[in-house]
């Protein structure tokens, strides 16, 4: 049996071989960063900024799809006027301001 046929034609060793082996993993990590991590962190920062700007009198759309008017704002909670009743909700329940255009997916 001839084992010389099984071995690679040119056996490269040293730093060049290590770089060639690590390069695909680095490329995949960069793709994950630019396609997943970066857009999500950007959207999270935009949402935090939007929630920080909420004030009494703003009309908002909740994550449940209900439209409500903010009655008063606290640090973690907001009081919403829905019809004739006032309810307490978390700030994170606000999906968007009612005056904003609908988000495109």
PDB file of N, CA and C in Angstrom:
ATOM      1  N   UNK A   1       0.842  -1.178   0.000  1.00  0.00           N
ATOM      2  CA  UNK A   1       0.000   0.000   0.000  1.00  0.00           C
ATOM      3  C   UNK A   1       0.886   1.240   0.000  1.00  0.00           C
ATOM      4  N   UNK A   2       0.520   2.243  -0.782  1.00  0.00           N
ATOM      5  CA  UNK A   2       1.338   3.430  -0.918  1.00  0.00           C
ATOM      6  C   UNK A   2       0.710   4.564  -0.118  1.00  0.00           C
ATOM      7  N   UNK A   3       1.319   4.902   1.027  1.00  0.00           N
ATOM      8  CA  UNK A   3       0.792   5.957   1.897  1.00  0.00           C
ATOM      9  C   UNK A   3       1.173   7.350   1.417  1.00  0.00           C
ATOM     10  N   UNK A   4       2.033   7.449   0.468  1.00  0.00           N
ATOM     11  CA  UNK A   4       2.443   8.745  -0.048  1.00  0.00           C
ATOM     12  C   UNK A   4       1.301   9.444  -0.771  1.00  0.00           C
ATOM     13  N   UNK A   5       0.344   8.710  -1.278  1.00  0.00           N
ATOM     14  CA  UNK A   5      -0.788   9.295  -1.977  1.00  0.00           C
ATOM     15  C   UNK A   5      -1.766   9.955  -1.009  1.00  0.00           C
ATOM     16  N   UNK A   6      -1.801   9.510   0.231  1.00  0.00           N
ATOM     17  CA  UNK A   6      -2.738  10.032   1.214  1.00  0.00           C
ATOM     18  C   UNK A   6      -2.279  11.382   1.772  1.00  0.00           C
ATOM     19  N   UNK A   7      -0.989  11.605   1.865  1.00  0.00           N
ATOM     20  CA  UNK A   7      -0.461  12.819   2.447  1.00  0.00           C
ATOM     21  C   UNK A   7      -0.619  13.991   1.489  1.00  0.00           C
ATOM     22  N   UNK A   8      -0.772  15.231   2.041  1.00  0.00           N
ATOM     23  CA  UNK A   8      -0.917  16.393   1.178  1.00  0.00           C
ATOM     24  C   UNK A   8       0.330  16.641   0.345  1.00  0.00           C
ATOM     25  N   UNK A   9       0.124  17.336  -0.778  1.00  0.00           N
ATOM     26  CA  UNK A   9       1.226  17.577  -1.710  1.00  0.00           C
ATOM     27  C   UNK A   9       2.313  18.423  -1.072  1.00  0.00           C
ATOM     28  N   UNK A  10       1.930  19.517  -0.395  1.00  0.00           N
ATOM     29  CA  UNK A  10       2.940  20.342   0.265  1.00  0.00           C
ATOM     30  C   UNK A  10       2.492  20.575   1.696  1.00  0.00           C
ATOM     31  N   UNK A  11       3.205  20.037   2.609  1.00  0.00           N
ATOM     32  CA  UNK A  11       2.861  20.180   4.023  1.00  0.00           C
ATOM     33  C   UNK A  11       3.427  21.499   4.517  1.00  0.00           C
ATOM     34  N   UNK A  12       2.536  22.498   4.723  1.00  0.00           N
ATOM     35  CA  UNK A  12       2.964  23.794   5.205  1.00  0.00           C
ATOM     36  C   UNK A  12       2.887  23.775   6.725  1.00  0.00           C
ATOM     37  N   UNK A  13       3.873  24.342   7.362  1.00  0.00           N
ATOM     38  CA  UNK A  13       3.851  24.391   8.818  1.00  0.00           C
ATOM     39  C   UNK A  13       4.289  25.771   9.261  1.00  0.00           C
ATOM     40  N   UNK A  14       4.006  26.082  10.485  1.00  0.00           N
ATOM     41  CA  UNK A  14       4.406  27.368  11.024  1.00  0.00           C
ATOM     42  C   UNK A  14       3.247  28.332  11.113  1.00  0.00           C
ATOM     43  N   UNK A  15       3.540  29.632  11.186  1.00  0.00           N
ATOM     44  CA  UNK A  15       2.497  30.644  11.363  1.00  0.00           C
ATOM     45  C   UNK A  15       1.536  30.744  10.178  1.00  0.00           C
ATOM     46  N   UNK A  16       1.995  30.464   8.984  1.00  0.00           N
ATOM     47  CA  UNK A  16       1.126  30.547   7.805  1.00  0.00           C
ATOM     48  C   UNK A  16       0.024  29.501   7.867  1.00  0.00           C
ATOM     49  N   UNK A  17       0.334  28.317   8.324  1.00  0.00           N
ATOM     50  CA  UNK A  17      -0.668  27.258   8.430  1.00  0.00           C
ATOM     51  C   UNK A  17      -1.693  27.598   9.506  1.00  0.00           C
ATOM     52  N   UNK A  18      -1.235  28.159  10.595  1.00  0.00           N
ATOM     53  CA  UNK A  18      -2.158  28.539  11.667  1.00  0.00           C
ATOM     54  C   UNK A  18      -3.092  29.647  11.194  1.00  0.00           C
ATOM     55  N   UNK A  19      -2.561  30.592  10.448  1.00  0.00           N
ATOM     56  CA  UNK A  19      -3.372  31.687   9.925  1.00  0.00           C
ATOM     57  C   UNK A  19      -4.429  31.167   8.952  1.00  0.00           C
ATOM     58  N   UNK A  20      -4.052  30.230   8.127  1.00  0.00           N
ATOM     59  CA  UNK A  20      -4.989  29.666   7.159  1.00  0.00           C
ATOM     60  C   UNK A  20      -6.105  28.912   7.880  1.00  0.00           C
ATOM     61  N   UNK A  21      -5.809  28.271   8.997  1.00  0.00           N
ATOM     62  CA  UNK A  21      -6.828  27.535   9.744  1.00  0.00           C
ATOM     63  C   UNK A  21      -7.755  28.469  10.530  1.00  0.00           C
ATOM     64  N   UNK A  22      -7.238  29.594  11.001  1.00  0.00           N
ATOM     65  CA  UNK A  22      -8.030  30.524  11.811  1.00  0.00           C
ATOM     66  C   UNK A  22      -8.853  31.463  10.941  1.00  0.00           C
ATOM     67  N   UNK A  23      -8.435  31.731   9.725  1.00  0.00           N
ATOM     68  CA  UNK A  23      -9.088  32.690   8.848  1.00  0.00           C
ATOM     69  C   UNK A  23     -10.581  32.413   8.621  1.00  0.00           C
ATOM     70  N   UNK A  24     -11.032  31.189   8.359  1.00  0.00           N
ATOM     71  CA  UNK A  24     -12.477  30.968   8.183  1.00  0.00           C
ATOM     72  C   UNK A  24     -13.285  31.293   9.444  1.00  0.00           C
ATOM     73  N   UNK A  25     -12.765  30.969  10.610  1.00  0.00           N
ATOM     74  CA  UNK A  25     -13.474  31.259  11.859  1.00  0.00           C
ATOM     75  C   UNK A  25     -13.565  32.764  12.109  1.00  0.00           C
ATOM     76  N   UNK A  26     -12.504  33.479  11.776  1.00  0.00           N
ATOM     77  CA  UNK A  26     -12.531  34.932  11.923  1.00  0.00           C
ATOM     78  C   UNK A  26     -13.547  35.545  10.959  1.00  0.00           C
ATOM     79  N   UNK A  27     -13.623  35.016   9.757  1.00  0.00           N
ATOM     80  CA  UNK A  27     -14.616  35.507   8.796  1.00  0.00           C
ATOM     81  C   UNK A  27     -16.041  35.264   9.266  1.00  0.00           C
ATOM     82  N   UNK A  28     -16.297  34.106   9.846  1.00  0.00           N
ATOM     83  CA  UNK A  28     -17.633  33.798  10.367  1.00  0.00           C
ATOM     84  C   UNK A  28     -17.961  34.712  11.539  1.00  0.00           C
ATOM     85  N   UNK A  29     -16.985  34.961  12.406  1.00  0.00           N
ATOM     86  CA  UNK A  29     -17.213  35.862  13.542  1.00  0.00           C
ATOM     87  C   UNK A  29     -17.530  37.272  13.060  1.00  0.00           C
ATOM     88  N   UNK A  30     -16.850  37.756  12.050  1.00  0.00           N
ATOM     89  CA  UNK A  30     -17.138  39.080  11.493  1.00  0.00           C
ATOM     90  C   UNK A  30     -18.529  39.130  10.871  1.00  0.00           C
ATOM     91  N   UNK A  31     -18.928  38.066  10.198  1.00  0.00           N
ATOM     92  CA  UNK A  31     -20.266  38.026   9.613  1.00  0.00           C
ATOM     93  C   UNK A  31     -21.330  38.074  10.709  1.00  0.00           C
ATOM     94  N   UNK A  32     -21.132  37.318  11.791  1.00  0.00           N
ATOM     95  CA  UNK A  32     -22.079  37.352  12.897  1.00  0.00           C
ATOM     96  C   UNK A  32     -22.172  38.750  13.477  1.00  0.00           C
ATOM     97  N   UNK A  33     -21.035  39.417  13.629  1.00  0.00           N
ATOM     98  CA  UNK A  33     -21.037  40.757  14.207  1.00  0.00           C
ATOM     99  C   UNK A  33     -21.820  41.730  13.324  1.00  0.00           C
ATOM    100  N   UNK A  34     -21.515  41.752  12.038  1.00  0.00           N
ATOM    101  CA  UNK A  34     -22.138  42.733  11.158  1.00  0.00           C
ATOM    102  C   UNK A  34     -23.578  42.389  10.782  1.00  0.00           C
ATOM    103  N   UNK A  35     -23.951  41.122  10.797  1.00  0.00           N
ATOM    104  CA  UNK A  35     -25.302  40.744  10.402  1.00  0.00           C
ATOM    105  C   UNK A  35     -26.260  40.564  11.576  1.00  0.00           C
ATOM    106  N   UNK A  36     -25.750  40.273  12.772  1.00  0.00           N
ATOM    107  CA  UNK A  36     -26.628  40.011  13.906  1.00  0.00           C
ATOM    108  C   UNK A  36     -26.416  40.963  15.082  1.00  0.00           C
ATOM    109  N   UNK A  37     -25.219  41.025  15.578  1.00  0.00           N
ATOM    110  CA  UNK A  37     -24.958  41.747  16.823  1.00  0.00           C
ATOM    111  C   UNK A  37     -25.083  43.251  16.647  1.00  0.00           C
ATOM    112  N   UNK A  38     -24.456  43.801  15.646  1.00  0.00           N
ATOM    113  CA  UNK A  38     -24.467  45.256  15.442  1.00  0.00           C
ATOM    114  C   UNK A  38     -25.869  45.811  15.170  1.00  0.00           C
ATOM    115  N   UNK A  39     -26.667  45.217  14.278  1.00  0.00           N
ATOM    116  CA  UNK A  39     -28.022  45.750  14.061  1.00  0.00           C
ATOM    117  C   UNK A  39     -28.905  45.652  15.304  1.00  0.00           C
ATOM    118  N   UNK A  40     -28.766  44.566  16.081  1.00  0.00           N
ATOM    119  CA  UNK A  40     -29.578  44.428  17.287  1.00  0.00           C
ATOM    120  C   UNK A  40     -29.201  45.471  18.327  1.00  0.00           C
ATOM    121  N   UNK A  41     -27.913  45.738  18.503  1.00  0.00           N
ATOM    122  CA  UNK A  41     -27.513  46.737  19.492  1.00  0.00           C
ATOM    123  C   UNK A  41     -27.932  48.140  19.043  1.00  0.00           C
ATOM    124  N   UNK A  42     -27.900  48.393  17.749  1.00  0.00           N
ATOM    125  CA  UNK A  42     -28.348  49.687  17.234  1.00  0.00           C
ATOM    126  C   UNK A  42     -29.848  49.870  17.470  1.00  0.00           C
ATOM    127  N   UNK A  43     -30.630  48.829  17.191  1.00  0.00           N
ATOM    128  CA  UNK A  43     -32.077  48.904  17.424  1.00  0.00           C
ATOM    129  C   UNK A  43     -32.398  49.055  18.906  1.00  0.00           C
ATOM    130  N   UNK A  44     -31.625  48.382  19.776  1.00  0.00           N
ATOM    131  CA  UNK A  44     -31.840  48.494  21.215  1.00  0.00           C
ATOM    132  C   UNK A  44     -31.561  49.910  21.699  1.00  0.00           C
ATOM    133  N   UNK A  45     -30.499  50.525  21.204  1.00  0.00           N
ATOM    134  CA  UNK A  45     -30.170  51.898  21.597  1.00  0.00           C
ATOM    135  C   UNK A  45     -31.250  52.874  21.126  1.00  0.00           C
ATOM    136  N   UNK A  46     -31.756  52.676  19.915  1.00  0.00           N
ATOM    137  CA  UNK A  46     -32.828  53.536  19.407  1.00  0.00           C
ATOM    138  C   UNK A  46     -34.086  53.396  20.253  1.00  0.00           C
ATOM    139  N   UNK A  47     -34.412  52.159  20.655  1.00  0.00           N
ATOM    140  CA  UNK A  47     -35.601  51.932  21.468  1.00  0.00           C
ATOM    141  C   UNK A  47     -35.431  52.553  22.859  1.00  0.00           C
ATOM    142  N   UNK A  48     -34.248  52.432  23.450  1.00  0.00           N
ATOM    143  CA  UNK A  48     -34.001  53.045  24.754  1.00  0.00           C
ATOM    144  C   UNK A  48     -34.127  54.560  24.671  1.00  0.00           C
ATOM    145  N   UNK A  49     -33.625  55.146  23.603  1.00  0.00           N
ATOM    146  CA  UNK A  49     -33.735  56.601  23.431  1.00  0.00           C
ATOM    147  C   UNK A  49     -35.194  57.008  23.260  1.00  0.00           C
ATOM    148  N   UNK A  50     -35.965  56.213  22.517  1.00  0.00           N
ATOM    149  CA  UNK A  50     -37.374  56.507  22.309  1.00  0.00           C
ATOM    150  C   UNK A  50     -38.149  56.407  23.619  1.00  0.00           C
ATOM    151  N   UNK A  51     -37.850  55.402  24.434  1.00  0.00           N
ATOM    152  CA  UNK A  51     -38.534  55.239  25.712  1.00  0.00           C
ATOM    153  C   UNK A  51     -38.148  56.336  26.701  1.00  0.00           C
ATOM    154  N   UNK A  52     -36.932  56.850  26.601  1.00  0.00           N
ATOM    155  CA  UNK A  52     -36.501  57.917  27.501  1.00  0.00           C
ATOM    156  C   UNK A  52     -37.207  59.237  27.187  1.00  0.00           C
ATOM    157  N   UNK A  53     -37.660  59.413  25.950  1.00  0.00           N
ATOM    158  CA  UNK A  53     -38.307  60.660  25.539  1.00  0.00           C
ATOM    159  C   UNK A  53     -39.809  60.697  25.807  1.00  0.00           C
ATOM    160  N   UNK A  54     -40.363  59.613  26.353  1.00  0.00           N
ATOM    161  CA  UNK A  54     -41.811  59.583  26.590  1.00  0.00           C
ATOM    162  C   UNK A  54     -42.210  60.639  27.602  1.00  0.00           C
ATOM    163  N   UNK A  55     -43.333  61.280  27.342  1.00  0.00           N
ATOM    164  CA  UNK A  55     -43.831  62.309  28.255  1.00  0.00           C
ATOM    165  C   UNK A  55     -45.352  62.237  28.292  1.00  0.00           C
ATOM    166  N   UNK A  56     -45.938  62.873  29.282  1.00  0.00           N
ATOM    167  CA  UNK A  56     -47.389  62.864  29.427  1.00  0.00           C
ATOM    168  C   UNK A  56     -48.036  63.524  28.206  1.00  0.00           C
ATOM    169  N   UNK A  57     -49.106  62.917  27.740  1.00  0.00           N
ATOM    170  CA  UNK A  57     -49.820  63.445  26.591  1.00  0.00           C
ATOM    171  C   UNK A  57     -49.466  62.774  25.279  1.00  0.00           C
ATOM    172  N   UNK A  58     -48.378  62.005  25.230  1.00  0.00           N
ATOM    173  CA  UNK A  58     -48.012  61.301  24.002  1.00  0.00           C
ATOM    174  C   UNK A  58     -48.981  60.153  23.745  1.00  0.00           C
ATOM    175  N   UNK A  59     -49.354  59.969  22.487  1.00  0.00           N
ATOM    176  CA  UNK A  59     -50.171  58.818  22.119  1.00  0.00           C
ATOM    177  C   UNK A  59     -49.226  57.723  21.646  1.00  0.00           C
ATOM    178  N   UNK A  60     -49.366  56.528  22.235  1.00  0.00           N
ATOM    179  CA  UNK A  60     -48.444  55.437  21.952  1.00  0.00           C
ATOM    180  C   UNK A  60     -49.203  54.193  21.512  1.00  0.00           C
ATOM    181  N   UNK A  61     -48.468  53.299  20.855  1.00  0.00           N
ATOM    182  CA  UNK A  61     -48.976  51.984  20.501  1.00  0.00           C
ATOM    183  C   UNK A  61     -48.259  50.989  21.396  1.00  0.00           C
ATOM    184  N   UNK A  62     -49.005  50.151  22.087  1.00  0.00           N
ATOM    185  CA  UNK A  62     -48.423  49.158  22.975  1.00  0.00           C
ATOM    186  C   UNK A  62     -48.061  47.907  22.190  1.00  0.00           C
ATOM    187  N   UNK A  63     -47.261  47.046  22.791  1.00  0.00           N
ATOM    188  CA  UNK A  63     -46.865  45.809  22.114  1.00  0.00           C
ATOM    189  C   UNK A  63     -48.058  44.904  21.860  1.00  0.00           C
ATOM    190  N   UNK A  64     -49.132  45.100  22.615  1.00  0.00           N
ATOM    191  CA  UNK A  64     -50.352  44.313  22.400  1.00  0.00           C
ATOM    192  C   UNK A  64     -51.174  44.852  21.231  1.00  0.00           C
ATOM    193  N   UNK A  65     -50.827  46.040  20.726  1.00  0.00           N
ATOM    194  CA  UNK A  65     -51.541  46.632  19.609  1.00  0.00           C
ATOM    195  C   UNK A  65     -52.538  47.695  20.018  1.00  0.00           C
ATOM    196  N   UNK A  66     -52.698  47.908  21.316  1.00  0.00           N
ATOM    197  CA  UNK A  66     -53.628  48.925  21.790  1.00  0.00           C
ATOM    198  C   UNK A  66     -53.027  50.318  21.650  1.00  0.00           C
ATOM    199  N   UNK A  67     -53.880  51.284  21.370  1.00  0.00           N
ATOM    200  CA  UNK A  67     -53.477  52.683  21.352  1.00  0.00           C
ATOM    201  C   UNK A  67     -53.854  53.276  22.702  1.00  0.00           C
ATOM    202  N   UNK A  68     -52.952  54.057  23.277  1.00  0.00           N
ATOM    203  CA  UNK A  68     -53.218  54.665  24.580  1.00  0.00           C
ATOM    204  C   UNK A  68     -52.534  56.020  24.632  1.00  0.00           C
ATOM    205  N   UNK A  69     -52.973  56.841  25.588  1.00  0.00           N
ATOM    206  CA  UNK A  69     -52.360  58.145  25.830  1.00  0.00           C
ATOM    207  C   UNK A  69     -51.676  58.098  27.184  1.00  0.00           C
ATOM    208  N   UNK A  70     -50.459  58.602  27.253  1.00  0.00           N
ATOM    209  CA  UNK A  70     -49.711  58.581  28.510  1.00  0.00           C
ATOM    210  C   UNK A  70     -50.287  59.632  29.448  1.00  0.00           C
ATOM    211  N   UNK A  71     -50.649  59.187  30.661  1.00  0.00           N
ATOM    212  CA  UNK A  71     -51.191  60.080  31.676  1.00  0.00           C
ATOM    213  C   UNK A  71     -50.059  60.669  32.515  1.00  0.00           C
ATOM    214  N   UNK A  72     -49.147  59.810  32.987  1.00  0.00           N
ATOM    215  CA  UNK A  72     -47.958  60.287  33.703  1.00  0.00           C
ATOM    216  C   UNK A  72     -46.850  59.253  33.562  1.00  0.00           C
ATOM    217  N   UNK A  73     -45.615  59.712  33.772  1.00  0.00           N
ATOM    218  CA  UNK A  73     -44.445  58.874  33.547  1.00  0.00           C
ATOM    219  C   UNK A  73     -43.656  58.768  34.844  1.00  0.00           C
ATOM    220  N   UNK A  74     -43.288  57.547  35.195  1.00  0.00           N
ATOM    221  CA  UNK A  74     -42.401  57.288  36.323  1.00  0.00           C
ATOM    222  C   UNK A  74     -41.128  56.654  35.782  1.00  0.00           C
ATOM    223  N   UNK A  75     -40.220  56.281  36.690  1.00  0.00           N
ATOM    224  CA  UNK A  75     -38.933  55.761  36.244  1.00  0.00           C
ATOM    225  C   UNK A  75     -39.070  54.462  35.448  1.00  0.00           C
ATOM    226  N   UNK A  76     -39.776  53.468  36.003  1.00  0.00           N
ATOM    227  CA  UNK A  76     -39.916  52.183  35.321  1.00  0.00           C
ATOM    228  C   UNK A  76     -41.318  51.952  34.765  1.00  0.00           C
ATOM    229  N   UNK A  77     -42.283  52.710  35.235  1.00  0.00           N
ATOM    230  CA  UNK A  77     -43.672  52.492  34.828  1.00  0.00           C
ATOM    231  C   UNK A  77     -44.261  53.754  34.208  1.00  0.00           C
ATOM    232  N   UNK A  78     -45.318  53.544  33.458  1.00  0.00           N
ATOM    233  CA  UNK A  78     -46.079  54.667  32.920  1.00  0.00           C
ATOM    234  C   UNK A  78     -47.553  54.402  33.211  1.00  0.00           C
ATOM    235  N   UNK A  79     -48.287  55.456  33.355  1.00  0.00           N
ATOM    236  CA  UNK A  79     -49.726  55.363  33.563  1.00  0.00           C
ATOM    237  C   UNK A  79     -50.383  55.731  32.246  1.00  0.00           C
ATOM    238  N   UNK A  80     -51.210  54.816  31.724  1.00  0.00           N
ATOM    239  CA  UNK A  80     -51.808  54.984  30.411  1.00  0.00           C
ATOM    240  C   UNK A  80     -53.311  55.192  30.529  1.00  0.00           C
ATOM    241  N   UNK A  81     -53.806  56.111  29.746  1.00  0.00           N
ATOM    242  CA  UNK A  81     -55.238  56.356  29.679  1.00  0.00           C
ATOM    243  C   UNK A  81     -55.767  55.628  28.446  1.00  0.00           C
ATOM    244  N   UNK A  82     -56.594  54.594  28.723  1.00  0.00           N
ATOM    245  CA  UNK A  82     -57.208  53.820  27.656  1.00  0.00           C
ATOM    246  C   UNK A  82     -58.714  53.998  27.808  1.00  0.00           C
ATOM    247  N   UNK A  83     -59.288  54.758  26.912  1.00  0.00           N
ATOM    248  CA  UNK A  83     -60.709  55.080  27.029  1.00  0.00           C
ATOM    249  C   UNK A  83     -60.914  55.993  28.230  1.00  0.00           C
ATOM    250  N   UNK A  84     -61.727  55.537  29.187  1.00  0.00           N
ATOM    251  CA  UNK A  84     -61.973  56.345  30.386  1.00  0.00           C
ATOM    252  C   UNK A  84     -61.201  55.830  31.583  1.00  0.00           C
ATOM    253  N   UNK A  85     -60.476  54.730  31.438  1.00  0.00           N
ATOM    254  CA  UNK A  85     -59.736  54.176  32.578  1.00  0.00           C
ATOM    255  C   UNK A  85     -58.245  54.459  32.438  1.00  0.00           C
ATOM    256  N   UNK A  86     -57.579  54.460  33.587  1.00  0.00           N
ATOM    257  CA  UNK A  86     -56.134  54.670  33.629  1.00  0.00           C
ATOM    258  C   UNK A  86     -55.501  53.394  34.177  1.00  0.00           C
ATOM    259  N   UNK A  87     -54.512  52.857  33.463  1.00  0.00           N
ATOM    260  CA  UNK A  87     -53.849  51.624  33.865  1.00  0.00           C
ATOM    261  C   UNK A  87     -52.348  51.863  33.977  1.00  0.00           C
ATOM    262  N   UNK A  88     -51.709  51.022  34.795  1.00  0.00           N
ATOM    263  CA  UNK A  88     -50.262  51.106  34.992  1.00  0.00           C
ATOM    264  C   UNK A  88     -49.597  50.044  34.119  1.00  0.00           C
ATOM    265  N   UNK A  89     -48.514  50.421  33.433  1.00  0.00           N
ATOM    266  CA  UNK A  89     -47.785  49.486  32.577  1.00  0.00           C
ATOM    267  C   UNK A  89     -46.296  49.770  32.669  1.00  0.00           C
ATOM    268  N   UNK A  90     -45.505  48.820  32.248  1.00  0.00           N
ATOM    269  CA  UNK A  90     -44.063  49.027  32.187  1.00  0.00           C
ATOM    270  C   UNK A  90     -43.728  49.863  30.963  1.00  0.00           C
ATOM    271  N   UNK A  91     -42.641  50.585  31.038  1.00  0.00           N
ATOM    272  CA  UNK A  91     -42.212  51.391  29.878  1.00  0.00           C
ATOM    273  C   UNK A  91     -41.951  50.515  28.657  1.00  0.00           C
ATOM    274  N   UNK A  92     -41.454  49.316  28.902  1.00  0.00           N
ATOM    275  CA  UNK A  92     -41.100  48.436  27.783  1.00  0.00           C
ATOM    276  C   UNK A  92     -42.322  47.931  27.030  1.00  0.00           C
ATOM    277  N   UNK A  93     -43.522  48.171  27.553  1.00  0.00           N
ATOM    278  CA  UNK A  93     -44.739  47.758  26.849  1.00  0.00           C
ATOM    279  C   UNK A  93     -45.038  48.672  25.665  1.00  0.00           C
ATOM    280  N   UNK A  94     -44.361  49.799  25.588  1.00  0.00           N
ATOM    281  CA  UNK A  94     -44.577  50.732  24.480  1.00  0.00           C
ATOM    282  C   UNK A  94     -43.788  50.248  23.272  1.00  0.00           C
ATOM    283  N   UNK A  95     -44.483  50.022  22.170  1.00  0.00           N
ATOM    284  CA  UNK A  95     -43.830  49.583  20.938  1.00  0.00           C
ATOM    285  C   UNK A  95     -43.350  50.780  20.123  1.00  0.00           C
ATOM    286  N   UNK A  96     -44.186  51.839  20.042  1.00  0.00           N
ATOM    287  CA  UNK A  96     -43.830  53.010  19.242  1.00  0.00           C
ATOM    288  C   UNK A  96     -44.782  54.142  19.577  1.00  0.00           C
ATOM    289  N   UNK A  97     -44.399  55.329  19.179  1.00  0.00           N
ATOM    290  CA  UNK A  97     -45.317  56.452  19.252  1.00  0.00           C
ATOM    291  C   UNK A  97     -46.339  56.293  18.138  1.00  0.00           C
ATOM    292  N   UNK A  98     -47.563  56.695  18.385  1.00  0.00           N
ATOM    293  CA  UNK A  98     -48.627  56.519  17.388  1.00  0.00           C
ATOM    294  C   UNK A  98     -48.386  57.403  16.173  1.00  0.00           C
ATOM    295  N   UNK A  99     -47.643  58.499  16.342  1.00  0.00           N
ATOM    296  CA  UNK A  99     -47.396  59.414  15.228  1.00  0.00           C
ATOM    297  C   UNK A  99     -46.264  58.932  14.320  1.00  0.00           C
ATOM    298  N   UNK A 100     -45.457  57.956  14.779  1.00  0.00           N
ATOM    299  CA  UNK A 100     -44.369  57.441  13.960  1.00  0.00           C
ATOM    300  C   UNK A 100     -44.909  56.535  12.877  1.00  0.00           C
ATOM    301  N   UNK A 101     -44.155  56.416  11.819  1.00  0.00           N
ATOM    302  CA  UNK A 101     -44.526  55.476  10.765  1.00  0.00           C
ATOM    303  C   UNK A 101     -44.337  54.057  11.294  1.00  0.00           C
ATOM    304  N   UNK A 102     -45.050  53.110  10.726  1.00  0.00           N
ATOM    305  CA  UNK A 102     -44.919  51.735  11.160  1.00  0.00           C
ATOM    306  C   UNK A 102     -43.533  51.210  10.820  1.00  0.00           C
ATOM    307  N   UNK A 103     -42.916  50.451  11.747  1.00  0.00           N
ATOM    308  CA  UNK A 103     -41.579  49.916  11.463  1.00  0.00           C
ATOM    309  C   UNK A 103     -41.615  48.900  10.343  1.00  0.00           C
ATOM    310  N   UNK A 104     -40.627  48.958   9.474  1.00  0.00           N
ATOM    311  CA  UNK A 104     -40.541  48.023   8.357  1.00  0.00           C
ATOM    312  C   UNK A 104     -39.703  46.844   8.782  1.00  0.00           C
ATOM    313  N   UNK A 105     -40.182  45.639   8.483  1.00  0.00           N
ATOM    314  CA  UNK A 105     -39.437  44.420   8.858  1.00  0.00           C
ATOM    315  C   UNK A 105     -38.597  43.952   7.715  1.00  0.00           C
TER     316      UNK A 105
END
